[in-house]
Amino acid sequence: MELQNPARERVYSIDVLRGIVMILMALDHVRDYFMTGAMSSDPLNPETTFPALYITRWVTHFCAPIFVFLSGLSVFLMNGRKSRAEISKFLLTRGLWLILIEVTVVSLGLSFNPLFSIFFLQVIWAIGVSFVLLSLFVFLPWGAILAIGIGITVSHNLLDFYEAQPGFQPGLLWEFLHKQTFVPHEVLPGHSALVIYPFLPWVGIMMMGYGCGRLFMQDVSAQKRRSLLVTIGFGMIGLFFLLRALNVYGDPLHWDAWPTLQQTVFSFFNVQKYPPSLLYTCATIGPGLLMLAALEHVRNRVTAVCKVYGSVPFFYYVVHFYLIHALTVVAFFASGYGMDQVVDPQSPFLFRPVSFGFSLPVVYVIWIAVVAALYRPCKWFAEYKRTQRKWWLSYV
């Protein structure tokens, strides 16, 4: 059956939701660079965290999975505008392009190390690999791709039992696939790869997003679409609470009863992001679907601002890292650090020693400033993309 996209224009609610998670994403990255203890402690550890810090970190959990999910959904919306062969070619070339950008432009923005001692494999890498794999699957019916995505998402935590065996040592290829250790692997003399986003679970999330794109076709009414989004969203949230209460499957981080109710709640909601567990995916994509349904007919100044960021996510993503790190350099010298402290063996980022940092309120002030500073550049680029038809714009 030939699928017809409802319009060439971007889907408003998708861009708004994407913009919201892009704004939240900057909060997490500002915290990484500017907060005291961000390089040495876990903000979700019930023993050491506090409510404001826990919430600050947890709310940014929504960013990566919703971003990847919406990337898959947006690919589906190409149907009716491009042939399957054209979509496959685009996904393959853009996927390889994103991987290249991750290990060059993004890695440089993260580290400010022109020697590229470490290549960071984060969400852009995961999206790139997912695009490459999806380029092979787009010839299948959308329902089959959705089923494969659900299958990966539901079953990949079975690998946790294998990885938990005594003496298990993941190699680089296994880290690419599923197990993250935060240990750099030397891939070239003097150059190491740090796998932060093993790609297998992210492929599942993108494929589920692709399948969800079917809800945005012309033959699906807005009322039916919202009803299905709400039903699936609440279903995923319900599955999270059910499996989390059983505490047997769906996340390698089991929760425990702590001395206080607050600590127990913190433990209950502390689910694994690296890689995203089934429970992590349910706890983030579920509410994301509810937001997608709620935003469909919302038009106001706030959504208009969010849409600007969501219309140019790649541009925003790359530029925001350089801006945050540049501000880190300014704060580094303003705080009295010297050139002899630019490199900290315990930190992969130049100008960001482990001892550097400020309080959480300062982090929020810098976050707001960063997001505000990026508004006009993003608005200009969004308008440029809207009015131009240059082929290379689809890659940025």
Protein backbone atom coordinates (compact mmCIF):
# COMPACT_ATOMS: atom_id res chain seq x y z
CA MET A 1 0.00 0.00 0.00
CA GLU A 2 1.35 3.41 -0.96
CA LEU A 3 1.51 5.71 2.06
CA GLN A 4 0.87 9.41 1.63
CA ASN A 5 2.39 12.00 3.91
CA PRO A 6 -0.23 14.55 5.02
CA ALA A 7 1.97 17.49 4.02
CA ARG A 8 5.47 18.47 3.07
CA GLU A 9 5.58 20.81 6.05
CA ARG A 10 7.07 19.60 9.32
CA VAL A 11 4.67 18.19 11.92
CA TYR A 12 4.24 20.91 14.54
CA SER A 13 3.83 18.66 17.60
CA ILE A 14 6.91 16.62 16.72
CA ASP A 15 9.10 19.70 16.44
CA VAL A 16 7.72 21.12 19.70
CA LEU A 17 8.37 17.90 21.61
CA ARG A 18 11.82 17.62 20.09
CA GLY A 19 12.51 21.22 21.05
CA ILE A 20 11.48 20.57 24.65
CA VAL A 21 13.90 17.67 24.98
CA MET A 22 16.67 19.67 23.29
CA ILE A 23 16.23 22.41 25.88
CA LEU A 24 16.35 19.85 28.71
CA MET A 25 19.38 18.22 27.16
CA ALA A 26 21.37 21.43 27.52
CA LEU A 27 20.63 21.38 31.26
CA ASP A 28 22.32 17.99 31.64
CA HIS A 29 25.37 19.05 29.65
CA VAL A 30 25.74 22.33 31.53
CA ARG A 31 25.59 20.32 34.76
CA ASP A 32 28.35 18.03 33.44
CA TYR A 33 30.67 20.94 32.75
CA PHE A 34 29.81 23.35 35.53
CA MET A 35 28.59 21.57 38.65
CA THR A 36 30.85 20.64 41.52
CA GLY A 37 31.16 16.87 41.78
CA ALA A 38 29.63 16.16 38.38
CA MET A 39 32.80 14.36 37.31
CA SER A 40 33.18 12.31 40.47
CA SER A 41 29.72 11.38 41.80
CA ASP A 42 26.44 9.92 40.57
CA PRO A 43 23.53 12.40 40.87
CA LEU A 44 21.11 9.45 41.10
CA ASN A 45 22.87 7.65 43.97
CA PRO A 46 20.29 7.56 46.82
CA GLU A 47 23.08 7.68 49.38
CA THR A 48 24.70 10.91 48.22
CA THR A 49 22.20 12.89 46.13
CA PHE A 50 19.52 15.39 47.15
CA PRO A 51 16.06 16.01 45.62
CA ALA A 52 16.89 19.01 43.41
CA LEU A 53 19.96 17.30 41.96
CA TYR A 54 18.15 13.98 41.49
CA ILE A 55 15.28 15.63 39.64
CA THR A 56 17.67 17.74 37.56
CA ARG A 57 19.38 14.59 36.33
CA TRP A 58 16.31 12.37 36.04
CA VAL A 59 14.24 14.80 33.99
CA THR A 60 16.97 14.82 31.33
CA HIS A 61 16.46 11.07 30.91
CA PHE A 62 13.67 11.97 28.51
CA CYS A 63 16.04 13.60 26.03
CA ALA A 64 17.95 10.84 24.24
CA PRO A 65 15.19 8.22 23.91
CA ILE A 66 12.56 10.72 22.74
CA PHE A 67 15.09 12.27 20.36
CA VAL A 68 15.94 8.87 18.85
CA PHE A 69 12.27 7.81 18.79
CA LEU A 70 11.28 10.98 16.94
CA SER A 71 14.16 10.47 14.50
CA GLY A 72 12.65 7.13 13.53
CA LEU A 73 9.17 8.65 13.33
CA SER A 74 10.46 11.39 11.03
CA VAL A 75 12.00 8.78 8.74
CA PHE A 76 8.60 7.15 8.33
CA LEU A 77 7.13 10.49 7.26
CA MET A 78 9.41 10.40 4.22
CA ASN A 79 7.11 7.72 2.78
CA GLY A 80 5.02 9.24 0.01
CA ARG A 81 7.72 11.83 -0.73
CA LYS A 82 10.56 9.43 -1.50
CA SER A 83 10.73 5.88 -2.76
CA ARG A 84 11.95 3.13 -0.41
CA ALA A 85 15.21 3.00 -2.37
CA GLU A 86 15.69 6.75 -1.97
CA ILE A 87 14.95 6.55 1.75
CA SER A 88 17.41 3.67 2.13
CA LYS A 89 20.15 5.57 0.32
CA PHE A 90 19.52 8.69 2.40
CA LEU A 91 19.61 6.76 5.68
CA LEU A 92 22.83 5.00 4.74
CA THR A 93 24.67 8.16 3.70
CA ARG A 94 23.32 10.28 6.56
CA GLY A 95 24.07 7.54 9.07
CA LEU A 96 27.70 7.32 7.96
CA TRP A 97 27.89 11.13 7.93
CA LEU A 98 26.61 11.31 11.52
CA ILE A 99 29.18 8.76 12.70
CA LEU A 100 31.93 10.82 11.07
CA ILE A 101 30.60 14.01 12.68
CA GLU A 102 30.47 12.29 16.08
CA VAL A 103 34.13 11.28 16.08
CA THR A 104 35.34 14.62 14.68
CA VAL A 105 33.22 17.73 15.20
CA VAL A 106 31.28 16.59 18.27
CA SER A 107 34.28 14.91 19.94
CA LEU A 108 36.28 18.11 19.50
CA GLY A 109 33.47 20.17 21.02
CA LEU A 110 33.30 17.84 24.00
CA SER A 111 37.01 17.67 24.72
CA PHE A 112 38.55 20.77 23.07
CA ASN A 113 41.48 18.45 22.47
CA PRO A 114 42.83 19.02 18.92
CA LEU A 115 44.86 15.81 19.19
CA PHE A 116 41.63 13.78 19.41
CA SER A 117 42.99 11.56 22.14
CA ILE A 118 39.45 10.27 22.78
CA PHE A 119 36.61 9.72 20.34
CA PHE A 120 33.26 9.95 22.13
CA LEU A 121 30.54 7.65 20.81
CA GLN A 122 27.32 9.21 22.09
CA VAL A 123 23.80 9.77 20.81
CA ILE A 124 24.82 11.02 17.34
CA TRP A 125 26.85 7.82 16.87
CA ALA A 126 23.87 5.74 18.04
CA ILE A 127 21.53 7.53 15.64
CA GLY A 128 24.06 7.12 12.83
CA VAL A 129 24.37 3.36 13.36
CA SER A 130 20.59 3.09 13.72
CA PHE A 131 20.11 4.92 10.42
CA VAL A 132 22.55 2.59 8.68
CA LEU A 133 20.72 -0.49 9.98
CA LEU A 134 17.30 1.01 9.28
CA SER A 135 18.42 1.60 5.69
CA LEU A 136 18.38 -2.20 5.33
CA PHE A 137 14.98 -2.64 6.95
CA VAL A 138 12.94 0.12 5.27
CA PHE A 139 11.99 -2.27 2.47
CA LEU A 140 9.95 -4.26 4.99
CA PRO A 141 6.35 -3.34 5.88
CA TRP A 142 6.11 -0.75 8.64
CA GLY A 143 4.46 -3.30 10.94
CA ALA A 144 7.39 -5.67 10.62
CA ILE A 145 9.84 -2.88 11.50
CA LEU A 146 7.71 -1.95 14.50
CA ALA A 147 7.63 -5.58 15.64
CA ILE A 148 11.41 -5.88 15.34
CA GLY A 149 11.85 -2.66 17.33
CA ILE A 150 9.54 -3.88 20.08
CA GLY A 151 11.33 -7.23 20.09
CA ILE A 152 14.74 -5.62 20.55
CA THR A 153 13.47 -3.27 23.27
CA VAL A 154 11.71 -6.01 25.23
CA SER A 155 14.37 -8.71 24.92
CA HIS A 156 17.78 -7.04 24.95
CA ASN A 157 17.93 -7.08 28.76
CA LEU A 158 18.26 -10.86 28.52
CA LEU A 159 21.89 -10.08 27.73
CA ASP A 160 22.21 -8.67 31.26
CA PHE A 161 22.20 -12.21 32.66
CA TYR A 162 25.05 -13.21 30.36
CA GLU A 163 27.00 -10.06 31.20
CA ALA A 164 26.52 -10.66 34.93
CA GLN A 165 28.39 -13.96 34.82
CA PRO A 166 31.62 -14.04 36.84
CA GLY A 167 34.64 -13.23 34.74
CA PHE A 168 32.69 -11.64 31.87
CA GLN A 169 34.93 -9.15 30.06
CA PRO A 170 33.32 -7.21 27.21
CA GLY A 171 35.55 -6.34 24.30
CA LEU A 172 35.17 -3.24 22.16
CA LEU A 173 32.75 -4.91 19.74
CA TRP A 174 30.51 -6.04 22.60
CA GLU A 175 30.59 -2.51 24.01
CA PHE A 176 29.53 -1.19 20.62
CA LEU A 177 26.56 -3.55 20.82
CA HIS A 178 25.30 -3.54 24.40
CA LYS A 179 27.64 -3.26 27.41
CA GLN A 180 28.95 0.15 28.47
CA THR A 181 31.94 0.32 30.85
CA PHE A 182 33.15 3.95 30.56
CA VAL A 183 36.62 2.54 29.82
CA PRO A 184 38.41 3.99 26.73
CA HIS A 185 39.64 1.46 24.16
CA GLU A 186 42.70 2.30 22.09
CA VAL A 187 41.74 2.03 18.42
CA LEU A 188 44.78 3.83 16.97
CA PRO A 189 48.12 4.70 18.56
CA GLY A 190 47.35 7.60 20.92
CA HIS A 191 43.64 7.58 20.11
CA SER A 192 40.95 5.80 22.11
CA ALA A 193 37.22 5.29 21.68
CA LEU A 194 34.87 5.76 24.63
CA VAL A 195 31.57 3.99 23.99
CA ILE A 196 28.86 5.85 25.88
CA TYR A 197 25.86 4.72 23.77
CA PRO A 198 25.94 1.00 22.82
CA PHE A 199 23.75 0.93 19.75
CA LEU A 200 21.51 -2.17 19.98
CA PRO A 201 18.79 -0.77 22.30
CA TRP A 202 18.77 2.54 20.42
CA VAL A 203 18.09 0.70 17.16
CA GLY A 204 15.03 -0.79 18.84
CA ILE A 205 13.82 2.62 19.98
CA MET A 206 14.29 4.12 16.51
CA MET A 207 12.39 1.25 14.89
CA MET A 208 9.52 1.73 17.33
CA GLY A 209 9.50 5.41 16.38
CA TYR A 210 9.38 4.44 12.72
CA GLY A 211 6.35 2.26 13.36
CA CYS A 212 4.65 5.02 15.34
CA GLY A 213 4.96 7.26 12.30
CA ARG A 214 2.09 5.31 10.75
CA LEU A 215 -0.22 7.21 13.13
CA PHE A 216 0.58 10.46 11.32
CA MET A 217 -0.69 9.40 7.91
CA GLN A 218 -3.72 10.98 6.25
CA ASP A 219 -5.99 8.02 6.83
CA VAL A 220 -5.58 8.25 10.64
CA SER A 221 -7.82 10.90 12.18
CA ALA A 222 -6.43 13.27 14.79
CA GLN A 223 -8.83 11.85 17.37
CA LYS A 224 -7.77 8.27 16.70
CA ARG A 225 -4.10 9.25 16.71
CA ARG A 226 -4.39 10.95 20.09
CA SER A 227 -6.35 8.05 21.51
CA LEU A 228 -3.71 5.53 20.41
CA LEU A 229 -0.83 7.68 21.63
CA VAL A 230 -2.47 8.03 25.04
CA THR A 231 -3.29 4.32 25.26
CA ILE A 232 0.21 3.22 24.30
CA GLY A 233 1.79 5.87 26.53
CA PHE A 234 -0.13 4.82 29.63
CA GLY A 235 0.48 1.19 28.71
CA MET A 236 4.25 1.74 28.73
CA ILE A 237 4.07 3.59 32.04
CA GLY A 238 1.98 0.78 33.52
CA LEU A 239 4.48 -1.80 32.27
CA PHE A 240 7.27 0.18 33.94
CA PHE A 241 5.58 0.12 37.34
CA LEU A 242 4.64 -3.56 37.03
CA LEU A 243 8.11 -4.79 36.07
CA ARG A 244 9.84 -2.41 38.45
CA ALA A 245 7.72 -3.64 41.35
CA LEU A 246 8.59 -7.26 40.49
CA ASN A 247 12.28 -6.25 40.44
CA VAL A 248 13.27 -9.28 38.37
CA TYR A 249 13.60 -8.26 34.71
CA GLY A 250 13.86 -5.14 32.59
CA ASP A 251 16.77 -3.36 34.25
CA PRO A 252 20.11 -4.58 35.66
CA LEU A 253 19.88 -1.99 38.45
CA HIS A 254 17.51 -3.55 40.95
CA TRP A 255 15.95 -1.22 43.50
CA ASP A 256 16.32 -1.68 47.25
CA ALA A 257 14.57 -0.55 50.41
CA TRP A 258 16.65 2.24 51.96
CA PRO A 259 16.50 3.73 55.48
CA THR A 260 14.24 6.58 54.30
CA LEU A 261 11.24 6.68 51.98
CA GLN A 262 12.94 9.33 49.86
CA GLN A 263 15.99 7.15 49.28
CA THR A 264 13.79 4.17 48.44
CA VAL A 265 11.88 6.22 45.87
CA PHE A 266 15.18 7.40 44.41
CA SER A 267 16.32 3.78 44.14
CA PHE A 268 13.02 2.70 42.56
CA PHE A 269 13.26 5.24 39.75
CA ASN A 270 17.00 4.87 39.19
CA VAL A 271 16.96 2.92 35.94
CA GLN A 272 19.82 2.32 33.53
CA LYS A 273 20.44 4.65 30.61
CA TYR A 274 23.75 3.21 29.36
CA PRO A 275 22.43 1.26 27.54
CA PRO A 276 18.74 2.16 27.89
CA SER A 277 16.97 -0.67 29.66
CA LEU A 278 13.42 -1.76 28.92
CA LEU A 279 12.26 0.03 32.08
CA TYR A 280 14.18 3.20 31.17
CA THR A 281 12.55 3.14 27.74
CA CYS A 282 9.05 2.66 29.19
CA ALA A 283 9.56 5.42 31.76
CA THR A 284 10.63 7.92 29.10
CA ILE A 285 8.89 7.01 25.83
CA GLY A 286 5.59 6.43 27.64
CA PRO A 287 5.31 10.01 28.94
CA GLY A 288 6.77 11.19 25.64
CA LEU A 289 3.81 9.72 23.76
CA LEU A 290 1.41 11.43 26.16
CA MET A 291 3.17 14.73 25.50
CA LEU A 292 3.02 14.13 21.75
CA ALA A 293 -0.74 13.64 22.02
CA ALA A 294 -1.21 16.68 24.25
CA LEU A 295 0.84 19.00 22.03
CA GLU A 296 -0.98 18.31 18.77
CA HIS A 297 -3.39 21.23 19.05
CA VAL A 298 -1.45 23.49 21.40
CA ARG A 299 -0.28 26.76 19.85
CA ASN A 300 1.19 29.48 22.06
CA ARG A 301 4.37 31.46 22.58
CA VAL A 302 6.05 28.68 24.55
CA THR A 303 5.43 26.03 21.90
CA ALA A 304 6.52 28.48 19.20
CA VAL A 305 9.86 28.94 20.96
CA CYS A 306 10.30 25.19 21.51
CA LYS A 307 9.50 24.55 17.84
CA VAL A 308 12.41 26.76 16.80
CA TYR A 309 14.89 24.52 18.63
CA GLY A 310 13.13 21.35 17.50
CA SER A 311 13.26 22.37 13.85
CA VAL A 312 17.08 22.38 13.77
CA PRO A 313 18.13 19.70 16.29
CA PHE A 314 21.44 18.79 14.67
CA PHE A 315 22.53 22.43 14.41
CA TYR A 316 21.48 23.08 18.02
CA TYR A 317 23.19 19.92 19.28
CA VAL A 318 26.57 20.68 17.77
CA VAL A 319 26.61 24.41 18.54
CA HIS A 320 25.43 24.03 22.14
CA PHE A 321 28.43 21.85 23.03
CA TYR A 322 30.90 24.40 21.69
CA LEU A 323 29.11 27.23 23.49
CA ILE A 324 28.98 25.36 26.82
CA HIS A 325 32.62 24.36 26.60
CA ALA A 326 33.68 27.87 25.59
CA LEU A 327 31.89 29.25 28.65
CA THR A 328 33.67 26.59 30.71
CA VAL A 329 37.01 27.93 29.50
CA VAL A 330 36.03 31.45 30.58
CA ALA A 331 34.87 30.23 34.00
CA PHE A 332 38.02 28.10 34.32
CA PHE A 333 40.37 31.06 34.11
CA ALA A 334 38.00 33.37 36.01
CA SER A 335 38.06 30.87 38.89
CA GLY A 336 41.83 31.16 39.21
CA TYR A 337 42.93 28.02 37.40
CA GLY A 338 46.09 28.24 35.33
CA MET A 339 47.48 26.78 32.12
CA ASP A 340 49.17 24.01 34.09
CA GLN A 341 45.69 22.75 35.08
CA VAL A 342 44.13 22.68 31.61
CA VAL A 343 44.75 18.94 31.40
CA ASP A 344 43.46 16.77 34.23
CA PRO A 345 44.35 13.06 33.88
CA GLN A 346 41.05 12.21 35.60
CA SER A 347 38.95 14.21 33.12
CA PRO A 348 38.53 13.64 29.36
CA PHE A 349 37.72 17.34 28.86
CA LEU A 350 40.32 20.09 28.65
CA PHE A 351 39.68 23.12 30.92
CA ARG A 352 37.38 20.96 33.06
CA PRO A 353 39.36 19.48 35.97
CA VAL A 354 37.53 17.23 38.40
CA SER A 355 37.91 19.85 41.15
CA PHE A 356 36.21 22.57 39.07
CA GLY A 357 32.58 23.49 39.53
CA PHE A 358 29.78 25.55 41.04
CA SER A 359 26.52 25.01 42.90
CA LEU A 360 23.31 23.77 41.27
CA PRO A 361 21.65 27.26 41.17
CA VAL A 362 24.61 28.55 39.14
CA VAL A 363 24.15 25.63 36.76
CA TYR A 364 20.54 26.67 36.16
CA VAL A 365 21.52 30.27 35.47
CA ILE A 366 24.12 29.19 32.91
CA TRP A 367 21.65 26.73 31.34
CA ILE A 368 19.05 29.47 30.81
CA ALA A 369 21.72 31.75 29.34
CA VAL A 370 22.91 29.05 26.93
CA VAL A 371 19.41 28.23 25.68
CA ALA A 372 18.56 31.92 25.29
CA ALA A 373 21.79 32.63 23.40
CA LEU A 374 21.02 29.87 20.89
CA TYR A 375 17.49 31.04 20.09
CA ARG A 376 18.26 33.57 17.37
CA PRO A 377 20.90 31.42 15.58
CA CYS A 378 18.45 28.50 15.61
CA LYS A 379 15.61 30.68 14.37
CA TRP A 380 17.76 32.00 11.53
CA PHE A 381 18.87 28.52 10.51
CA ALA A 382 15.33 27.11 10.77
CA GLU A 383 14.10 29.83 8.40
CA TYR A 384 17.03 29.19 6.06
CA LYS A 385 16.20 25.48 5.92
CA ARG A 386 12.51 26.22 5.36
CA THR A 387 13.11 28.51 2.39
CA GLN A 388 16.02 26.72 0.73
CA ARG A 389 16.06 23.41 -1.13
CA LYS A 390 19.78 22.70 -1.13
CA TRP A 391 20.50 18.96 -0.91
CA TRP A 392 23.04 19.26 1.90
CA LEU A 393 20.51 20.83 4.28
CA SER A 394 18.90 17.42 4.80
CA TYR A 395 22.18 16.29 6.40
CA VAL A 396 22.30 19.10 8.98
